[in-house]
Amino acid sequence: MTHVVMRIRNTVLALLAVAAAGPGAAQTPAPDSVSAGLYAAAGAGMLSPAARRAVPFVYVPNSKDGTVTVIDPLTYRVLRSFATGALPQHVVPSYDLLTLWVANNLGNTLTPIDPANGREGPSVPVADPYNLYFTPDGHWAIVVAERLRRLDFRDAHTMALVQSVPVECRGVDHMEFSADGHFAIATCEFSGELLKLDLATRRVVGYLLLDPDGLGARAMPQDIRASPDGHVFYVADMMANGVYLVDPDAFRRVGFVATGKGTHGIYPSRDGRRMYISNRGWNTTAGGRHGPGSITVLDPATQRIVATWPVPGGGSPDMGNVTADGRELWLSGRYDSEVYVFDAQTGRLTHRIAVGREPHGLCVWPQPGRYSLGHTGNMR
């Protein structure tokens, strides 16, 4: 029996076992709550009833092609591609896990995907959706309108606009929410800042300039994720080649960890004991092929690097997520028209899958967790 066939068989058996358990039955034990913290409900195999409806697929938005490529994660084969609006940036799970939204930045639309069958529906008009998030109470969707310099609060189901919140920074793009759900912090890529958003009043209450302090570059923050205990926010900076450590309550920088060239995305492991940090290999938004891309593995308990995984032959690892079982890390290769699959324990690159031009915020679905806060699957 080949390795691929064995893996298919084992994965199918695991999925059947989870499905058979039912909503009230015992499932995979939760990860240690002390280490997993905010991510304790998103441990390996902890699929909600809504997520169990989904057919396992990986959805890859190809920004320059205006398409989404659908990959079978069991065979690692491309199944099909379908057209979206112009410049699809991210594939985003809805708060209730029943819809995946393709954020078509220049197309000014969101294209819904039904994860139960992987088929797309009619696009919904939405202005400048670079990224998409959901408030922790599930009441609002927040469309990150980067070009328009605003955060649009919308109905989380219909996407009807409720309020536009203007921002004074340039390049607002990624967001993370506090442990208590009272505020969010967003990165502003082109002005080197963070902004703090009060979710109750829907107002920006502060800005923080990220001074690299002699690191030899201006700040250019990208992804932002909370540590498992919620006391630190990690901010990836593609110019400073590392992650800032930010105290979210005091809203001040408290540290910096150098990772690799072009630091970009941040993803927690299923047990919360590791943070996988993608380094795109370029300090520019227009990189080339086969750059010095890598993955840095950070221990959030000690803030120390425990491993670095270079992409063999070079590459540009960007956005993605960890599989539901925690065994693989899938990332788009932004400037190499490919997708990378890493063994999440050993760091071995097991697959390179050709896709369209400039693949960006790919979504591995389904994901464990009670609800989605947006992006490519920020689950809690």
Protein backbone atom coordinates (compact mmCIF):
# COMPACT_ATOMS: atom_id res chain seq x y z
CA MET A 1 0.00 0.00 0.00
CA THR A 2 1.49 3.36 -1.00
CA HIS A 3 2.10 6.19 1.43
CA VAL A 4 -0.59 8.33 -0.26
CA VAL A 5 -3.20 5.56 -0.17
CA MET A 6 -2.43 4.81 3.48
CA ARG A 7 -2.78 8.48 4.34
CA ILE A 8 -6.11 8.74 2.51
CA ARG A 9 -7.42 5.66 4.31
CA ASN A 10 -6.29 6.85 7.74
CA THR A 11 -7.64 10.37 7.22
CA VAL A 12 -11.02 9.11 6.00
CA LEU A 13 -11.29 6.79 8.99
CA ALA A 14 -10.47 9.66 11.33
CA LEU A 15 -13.08 11.92 9.73
CA LEU A 16 -15.71 9.17 9.93
CA ALA A 17 -14.92 8.66 13.59
CA VAL A 18 -15.40 12.35 14.34
CA ALA A 19 -18.62 12.53 12.33
CA ALA A 20 -20.02 9.46 14.06
CA ALA A 21 -19.41 10.95 17.47
CA GLY A 22 -22.21 13.52 17.13
CA PRO A 23 -22.45 16.93 18.82
CA GLY A 24 -22.78 15.62 22.37
CA ALA A 25 -20.37 12.71 22.21
CA ALA A 26 -16.80 12.65 23.46
CA GLN A 27 -14.31 13.93 20.89
CA THR A 28 -10.56 14.35 20.68
CA PRO A 29 -9.37 15.55 24.10
CA ALA A 30 -8.82 19.28 24.30
CA PRO A 31 -5.22 20.50 24.42
CA ASP A 32 -3.84 21.53 27.77
CA SER A 33 -5.79 24.69 28.61
CA VAL A 34 -2.77 26.41 30.14
CA SER A 35 -0.69 26.11 26.97
CA ALA A 36 -3.54 26.51 24.46
CA GLY A 37 -5.39 29.33 26.23
CA LEU A 38 -7.32 31.33 23.63
CA TYR A 39 -6.94 28.42 21.21
CA ALA A 40 -8.08 25.67 23.62
CA ALA A 41 -11.32 25.14 21.68
CA ALA A 42 -9.41 24.83 18.39
CA GLY A 43 -7.39 21.73 19.25
CA ALA A 44 -6.73 18.85 16.88
CA GLY A 45 -9.95 17.24 15.66
CA MET A 46 -12.24 19.53 17.68
CA LEU A 47 -14.63 20.20 14.80
CA SER A 48 -17.96 21.83 15.56
CA PRO A 49 -21.19 20.41 14.08
CA ALA A 50 -21.17 23.24 11.53
CA ALA A 51 -17.58 22.51 10.48
CA ARG A 52 -18.31 18.78 10.15
CA ARG A 53 -20.70 19.61 7.31
CA ALA A 54 -17.76 20.65 5.14
CA VAL A 55 -16.03 18.63 2.46
CA PRO A 56 -12.28 18.88 3.20
CA PHE A 57 -10.79 21.24 0.61
CA VAL A 58 -8.06 23.85 0.41
CA TYR A 59 -9.12 27.10 -1.28
CA VAL A 60 -6.38 29.23 -2.85
CA PRO A 61 -7.14 32.77 -4.07
CA ASN A 62 -4.94 33.62 -7.06
CA SER A 63 -4.81 37.40 -6.86
CA LYS A 64 -3.46 38.18 -10.32
CA ASP A 65 -5.69 35.66 -12.09
CA GLY A 66 -8.95 36.58 -10.37
CA THR A 67 -9.61 32.94 -9.53
CA VAL A 68 -9.75 30.48 -6.65
CA THR A 69 -8.08 27.08 -7.01
CA VAL A 70 -9.61 24.16 -5.11
CA ILE A 71 -7.22 21.43 -3.87
CA ASP A 72 -8.03 18.01 -2.42
CA PRO A 73 -5.90 17.83 0.77
CA LEU A 74 -6.01 14.02 0.76
CA THR A 75 -4.47 13.57 -2.70
CA TYR A 76 -2.77 17.00 -2.99
CA ARG A 77 -4.33 17.37 -6.44
CA VAL A 78 -5.93 20.45 -7.96
CA LEU A 79 -9.61 19.74 -8.58
CA ARG A 80 -10.70 22.91 -10.35
CA SER A 81 -10.49 26.69 -10.44
CA PHE A 82 -13.33 29.19 -10.65
CA ALA A 83 -13.52 32.90 -11.46
CA THR A 84 -14.12 35.53 -8.77
CA GLY A 85 -14.01 39.31 -8.79
CA ALA A 86 -10.77 41.15 -9.46
CA LEU A 87 -7.84 40.67 -7.07
CA PRO A 88 -9.09 38.03 -4.62
CA GLN A 89 -6.96 38.38 -1.48
CA HIS A 90 -8.23 36.01 1.23
CA VAL A 91 -10.68 33.15 1.65
CA VAL A 92 -12.39 33.80 4.99
CA PRO A 93 -14.58 31.49 7.12
CA SER A 94 -17.71 33.19 8.44
CA TYR A 95 -18.27 33.48 12.18
CA ASP A 96 -20.87 30.67 12.12
CA LEU A 97 -18.61 28.47 9.92
CA LEU A 98 -21.37 28.00 7.33
CA THR A 99 -19.89 30.16 4.57
CA LEU A 100 -16.43 30.87 3.17
CA TRP A 101 -16.09 34.38 1.75
CA VAL A 102 -13.63 35.27 -1.02
CA ALA A 103 -12.54 38.89 -0.53
CA ASN A 104 -12.26 40.39 -4.03
CA ASN A 105 -10.31 43.56 -3.34
CA LEU A 106 -10.56 45.40 -6.68
CA GLY A 107 -13.73 43.58 -7.68
CA ASN A 108 -15.56 45.24 -4.76
CA THR A 109 -17.36 41.99 -4.00
CA LEU A 110 -17.41 39.03 -1.64
CA THR A 111 -17.94 35.65 -3.30
CA PRO A 112 -19.60 33.07 -1.01
CA ILE A 113 -18.58 29.41 -1.04
CA ASP A 114 -20.73 26.68 0.50
CA PRO A 115 -18.21 24.48 2.35
CA ALA A 116 -20.68 21.58 2.33
CA ASN A 117 -20.08 21.12 -1.40
CA GLY A 118 -17.27 23.54 -2.29
CA ARG A 119 -19.40 25.43 -4.81
CA GLU A 120 -19.42 29.19 -5.21
CA GLY A 121 -22.54 31.38 -5.19
CA PRO A 122 -23.44 34.83 -6.56
CA SER A 123 -21.08 37.58 -5.39
CA VAL A 124 -22.24 40.25 -2.95
CA PRO A 125 -21.33 43.92 -3.60
CA VAL A 126 -18.95 45.16 -0.88
CA ALA A 127 -16.56 48.10 -1.23
CA ASP A 128 -12.82 47.40 -1.16
CA PRO A 129 -12.72 44.11 0.79
CA TYR A 130 -9.00 43.56 1.28
CA ASN A 131 -9.65 41.44 4.36
CA LEU A 132 -12.58 40.34 6.50
CA TYR A 133 -13.01 39.75 10.24
CA PHE A 134 -15.83 39.08 12.70
CA THR A 135 -16.29 40.49 16.20
CA PRO A 136 -15.99 37.90 19.00
CA ASP A 137 -19.72 38.13 19.77
CA GLY A 138 -20.53 37.34 16.14
CA HIS A 139 -22.67 40.43 15.73
CA TRP A 140 -20.58 42.30 13.18
CA ALA A 141 -18.44 41.59 10.19
CA ILE A 142 -15.57 44.05 9.80
CA VAL A 143 -14.47 44.60 6.21
CA VAL A 144 -10.93 45.95 6.09
CA ALA A 145 -11.14 48.50 3.29
CA GLU A 146 -7.44 49.18 2.84
CA ARG A 147 -7.62 51.45 -0.20
CA LEU A 148 -10.50 53.51 1.22
CA ARG A 149 -8.78 53.83 4.63
CA ARG A 150 -11.69 52.62 6.68
CA LEU A 151 -13.09 49.71 8.68
CA ASP A 152 -16.64 48.89 7.63
CA PHE A 153 -18.95 47.34 10.22
CA ARG A 154 -21.48 45.17 8.40
CA ASP A 155 -24.20 42.71 9.26
CA ALA A 156 -22.35 39.42 9.75
CA HIS A 157 -24.85 37.51 7.57
CA THR A 158 -26.16 39.89 4.90
CA MET A 159 -23.04 42.09 4.72
CA ALA A 160 -25.28 45.18 4.74
CA LEU A 161 -23.24 48.25 5.74
CA VAL A 162 -23.97 49.62 9.22
CA GLN A 163 -21.10 52.03 9.87
CA SER A 164 -17.81 53.07 8.28
CA VAL A 165 -14.98 53.91 10.68
CA PRO A 166 -12.30 56.08 9.02
CA VAL A 167 -8.66 55.40 9.90
CA GLU A 168 -5.78 57.87 9.77
CA CYS A 169 -3.07 55.34 8.94
CA ARG A 170 -2.14 53.92 5.53
CA GLY A 171 -2.48 50.29 4.49
CA VAL A 172 -4.74 48.90 7.21
CA ASP A 173 -4.89 45.17 6.53
CA HIS A 174 -4.76 42.59 9.39
CA MET A 175 -6.47 42.45 12.77
CA GLU A 176 -6.55 40.58 16.09
CA PHE A 177 -9.00 40.70 19.00
CA SER A 178 -8.36 40.96 22.73
CA ALA A 179 -9.05 37.99 24.99
CA ASP A 180 -12.03 39.76 26.59
CA GLY A 181 -13.46 40.83 23.22
CA HIS A 182 -13.47 44.52 24.13
CA PHE A 183 -11.05 45.77 21.49
CA ALA A 184 -9.13 44.91 18.35
CA ILE A 185 -5.69 45.94 17.12
CA ALA A 186 -5.04 46.30 13.40
CA THR A 187 -1.81 46.68 11.42
CA CYS A 188 -1.20 49.57 9.04
CA GLU A 189 1.32 48.31 6.51
CA PHE A 190 2.29 51.48 4.67
CA SER A 191 2.63 53.88 7.62
CA GLY A 192 4.32 51.47 10.04
CA GLU A 193 1.61 51.74 12.70
CA LEU A 194 -0.94 49.83 14.70
CA LEU A 195 -4.40 51.12 15.53
CA LYS A 196 -6.60 50.21 18.50
CA LEU A 197 -10.34 49.87 17.92
CA ASP A 198 -12.94 49.98 20.70
CA LEU A 199 -15.56 47.44 19.65
CA ALA A 200 -18.36 48.77 21.87
CA THR A 201 -18.16 52.34 20.56
CA ARG A 202 -16.81 51.35 17.13
CA ARG A 203 -14.16 54.08 17.35
CA VAL A 204 -10.38 54.15 16.89
CA VAL A 205 -8.96 55.07 20.30
CA GLY A 206 -5.23 55.15 19.53
CA TYR A 207 -2.31 54.66 17.16
CA LEU A 208 1.10 53.17 17.89
CA LEU A 209 4.08 53.94 15.67
CA LEU A 210 6.36 50.90 15.37
CA ASP A 211 9.90 52.25 15.52
CA PRO A 212 12.32 49.45 14.55
CA ASP A 213 14.97 50.95 16.88
CA GLY A 214 18.05 50.59 14.71
CA LEU A 215 16.98 47.36 13.05
CA GLY A 216 17.98 48.83 9.70
CA ALA A 217 14.50 49.21 8.25
CA ARG A 218 11.28 51.14 8.58
CA ALA A 219 8.32 49.26 9.99
CA MET A 220 5.95 47.45 7.61
CA PRO A 221 3.59 45.37 9.80
CA GLN A 222 1.62 42.49 8.30
CA ASP A 223 -0.20 39.73 10.20
CA ILE A 224 -1.01 40.03 13.92
CA ARG A 225 -1.92 37.21 16.32
CA ALA A 226 -2.40 36.85 20.06
CA SER A 227 -0.27 34.60 22.23
CA PRO A 228 -2.25 31.71 23.75
CA ASP A 229 -2.57 33.57 27.07
CA GLY A 230 -3.63 36.77 25.30
CA HIS A 231 -1.01 38.88 27.08
CA VAL A 232 1.15 39.46 24.00
CA PHE A 233 0.25 40.24 20.40
CA TYR A 234 2.80 39.16 17.78
CA VAL A 235 3.14 41.56 14.86
CA ALA A 236 4.93 40.29 11.75
CA ASP A 237 7.07 42.94 10.04
CA MET A 238 8.34 42.24 6.55
CA MET A 239 10.89 45.08 6.60
CA ALA A 240 12.29 44.44 10.08
CA ASN A 241 12.46 40.66 9.39
CA GLY A 242 10.84 39.59 12.63
CA VAL A 243 7.91 39.94 15.01
CA TYR A 244 7.26 42.75 17.45
CA LEU A 245 5.88 41.78 20.86
CA VAL A 246 3.11 44.19 21.83
CA ASP A 247 1.27 44.50 25.15
CA PRO A 248 -2.32 44.79 23.87
CA ASP A 249 -3.75 46.37 27.02
CA ALA A 250 -1.02 48.98 27.51
CA PHE A 251 -0.76 49.29 23.71
CA ARG A 252 3.02 49.49 23.66
CA ARG A 253 5.86 47.51 22.17
CA VAL A 254 7.62 45.27 24.69
CA GLY A 255 10.02 43.24 22.56
CA PHE A 256 11.21 42.00 19.19
CA VAL A 257 12.22 38.57 17.88
CA ALA A 258 14.19 38.30 14.64
CA THR A 259 12.83 35.50 12.44
CA GLY A 260 13.64 35.63 8.71
CA LYS A 261 13.51 37.81 5.63
CA GLY A 262 10.11 39.25 4.82
CA THR A 263 8.19 38.13 7.93
CA HIS A 264 4.53 37.86 7.02
CA GLY A 265 2.05 35.34 8.54
CA ILE A 266 1.53 33.88 12.04
CA TYR A 267 -0.31 30.63 12.89
CA PRO A 268 -0.65 28.79 16.23
CA SER A 269 -0.20 25.03 16.45
CA ARG A 270 -3.20 22.98 17.50
CA ASP A 271 -1.90 22.58 21.06
CA GLY A 272 -0.90 26.24 21.38
CA ARG A 273 2.72 25.35 22.14
CA ARG A 274 4.16 26.70 18.89
CA MET A 275 3.65 29.69 16.62
CA TYR A 276 4.48 29.11 12.95
CA ILE A 277 5.78 32.30 11.34
CA SER A 278 6.12 32.57 7.57
CA ASN A 279 9.01 34.59 6.15
CA ARG A 280 8.21 35.49 2.55
CA GLY A 281 11.85 35.99 1.52
CA TRP A 282 11.39 39.56 0.24
CA ASN A 283 11.19 43.00 1.85
CA THR A 284 8.91 44.25 -0.90
CA THR A 285 5.36 43.76 -2.14
CA ALA A 286 6.72 42.81 -5.56
CA GLY A 287 9.13 39.94 -4.93
CA GLY A 288 10.64 37.49 -7.37
CA ARG A 289 10.76 33.73 -7.65
CA HIS A 290 12.79 31.39 -5.41
CA GLY A 291 13.62 33.91 -2.70
CA PRO A 292 15.09 32.91 0.69
CA GLY A 293 11.71 32.03 2.17
CA SER A 294 11.43 30.10 5.43
CA ILE A 295 9.25 29.17 8.38
CA THR A 296 10.23 30.13 11.93
CA VAL A 297 8.83 28.12 14.85
CA LEU A 298 8.46 30.17 18.05
CA ASP A 299 7.75 28.91 21.57
CA PRO A 300 5.22 31.43 22.99
CA ALA A 301 6.00 30.37 26.56
CA THR A 302 9.63 31.51 26.28
CA GLN A 303 9.49 33.80 23.19
CA ARG A 304 12.41 31.80 21.80
CA ILE A 305 12.90 30.31 18.35
CA VAL A 306 12.95 26.52 18.44
CA ALA A 307 13.33 25.77 14.72
CA THR A 308 13.79 27.35 11.29
CA TRP A 309 12.63 25.58 8.14
CA PRO A 310 14.05 26.98 4.88
CA VAL A 311 12.03 26.34 1.72
CA PRO A 312 14.24 23.97 -0.33
CA GLY A 313 15.38 25.73 -3.48
CA GLY A 314 13.79 28.98 -2.34
CA GLY A 315 10.22 30.18 -2.19
CA SER A 316 7.80 32.78 -0.87
CA PRO A 317 5.62 31.32 1.95
CA ASP A 318 2.82 33.73 2.69
CA MET A 319 -0.61 32.94 4.18
CA GLY A 320 -2.50 29.75 5.03
CA ASN A 321 -3.20 27.60 8.07
CA VAL A 322 -2.64 24.36 9.96
CA THR A 323 -4.76 21.32 9.09
CA ALA A 324 -7.56 20.22 11.41
CA ASP A 325 -5.45 17.35 12.76
CA GLY A 326 -2.47 19.65 13.34
CA ARG A 327 -0.12 17.54 11.22
CA GLU A 328 0.44 19.87 8.27
CA LEU A 329 1.03 23.55 7.62
CA TRP A 330 -0.27 24.78 4.25
CA LEU A 331 0.97 28.12 2.89
CA SER A 332 0.67 29.98 -0.39
CA GLY A 333 3.86 30.72 -2.34
CA ARG A 334 3.07 34.32 -3.20
CA TYR A 335 5.69 34.93 -5.89
CA ASP A 336 6.17 31.34 -7.04
CA SER A 337 2.63 30.38 -8.16
CA GLU A 338 2.57 27.39 -5.84
CA VAL A 339 1.35 26.06 -2.52
CA TYR A 340 3.64 24.53 0.13
CA VAL A 341 2.73 21.69 2.48
CA PHE A 342 5.02 21.26 5.50
CA ASP A 343 5.06 18.48 8.07
CA ALA A 344 4.17 20.54 11.15
CA GLN A 345 6.36 18.43 13.43
CA THR A 346 9.54 17.94 11.41
CA GLY A 347 9.39 20.93 9.07
CA ARG A 348 9.89 18.73 6.00
CA LEU A 349 8.40 20.19 2.83
CA THR A 350 6.26 17.29 1.59
CA HIS A 351 4.47 18.85 -1.38
CA ARG A 352 4.67 21.78 -3.80
CA ILE A 353 1.44 22.26 -5.74
CA ALA A 354 1.24 24.51 -8.81
CA VAL A 355 -1.58 27.08 -8.72
CA GLY A 356 -2.33 30.46 -10.31
CA ARG A 357 -0.48 33.76 -10.19
CA GLU A 358 0.19 35.38 -6.82
CA PRO A 359 -1.66 32.99 -4.52
CA HIS A 360 -2.42 34.78 -1.27
CA GLY A 361 -4.67 34.03 1.74
CA LEU A 362 -5.44 30.33 1.29
CA CYS A 363 -7.97 28.63 3.54
CA VAL A 364 -7.65 25.04 4.78
CA TRP A 365 -11.17 23.90 5.61
CA PRO A 366 -12.67 22.64 7.86
CA GLN A 367 -10.92 24.02 10.93
CA PRO A 368 -11.44 23.20 14.63
CA GLY A 369 -13.02 25.83 16.86
CA ARG A 370 -16.33 27.21 18.08
CA TYR A 371 -16.30 30.23 15.77
CA SER A 372 -14.16 32.14 13.29
CA LEU A 373 -12.81 35.64 13.82
CA GLY A 374 -12.00 35.85 10.12
CA HIS A 375 -8.88 36.06 7.97
CA THR A 376 -7.84 32.59 6.75
CA GLY A 377 -9.30 30.90 9.83
CA ASN A 378 -8.49 32.67 13.11
CA MET A 379 -10.39 30.20 15.26
CA ARG A 380 -11.36 30.25 18.92
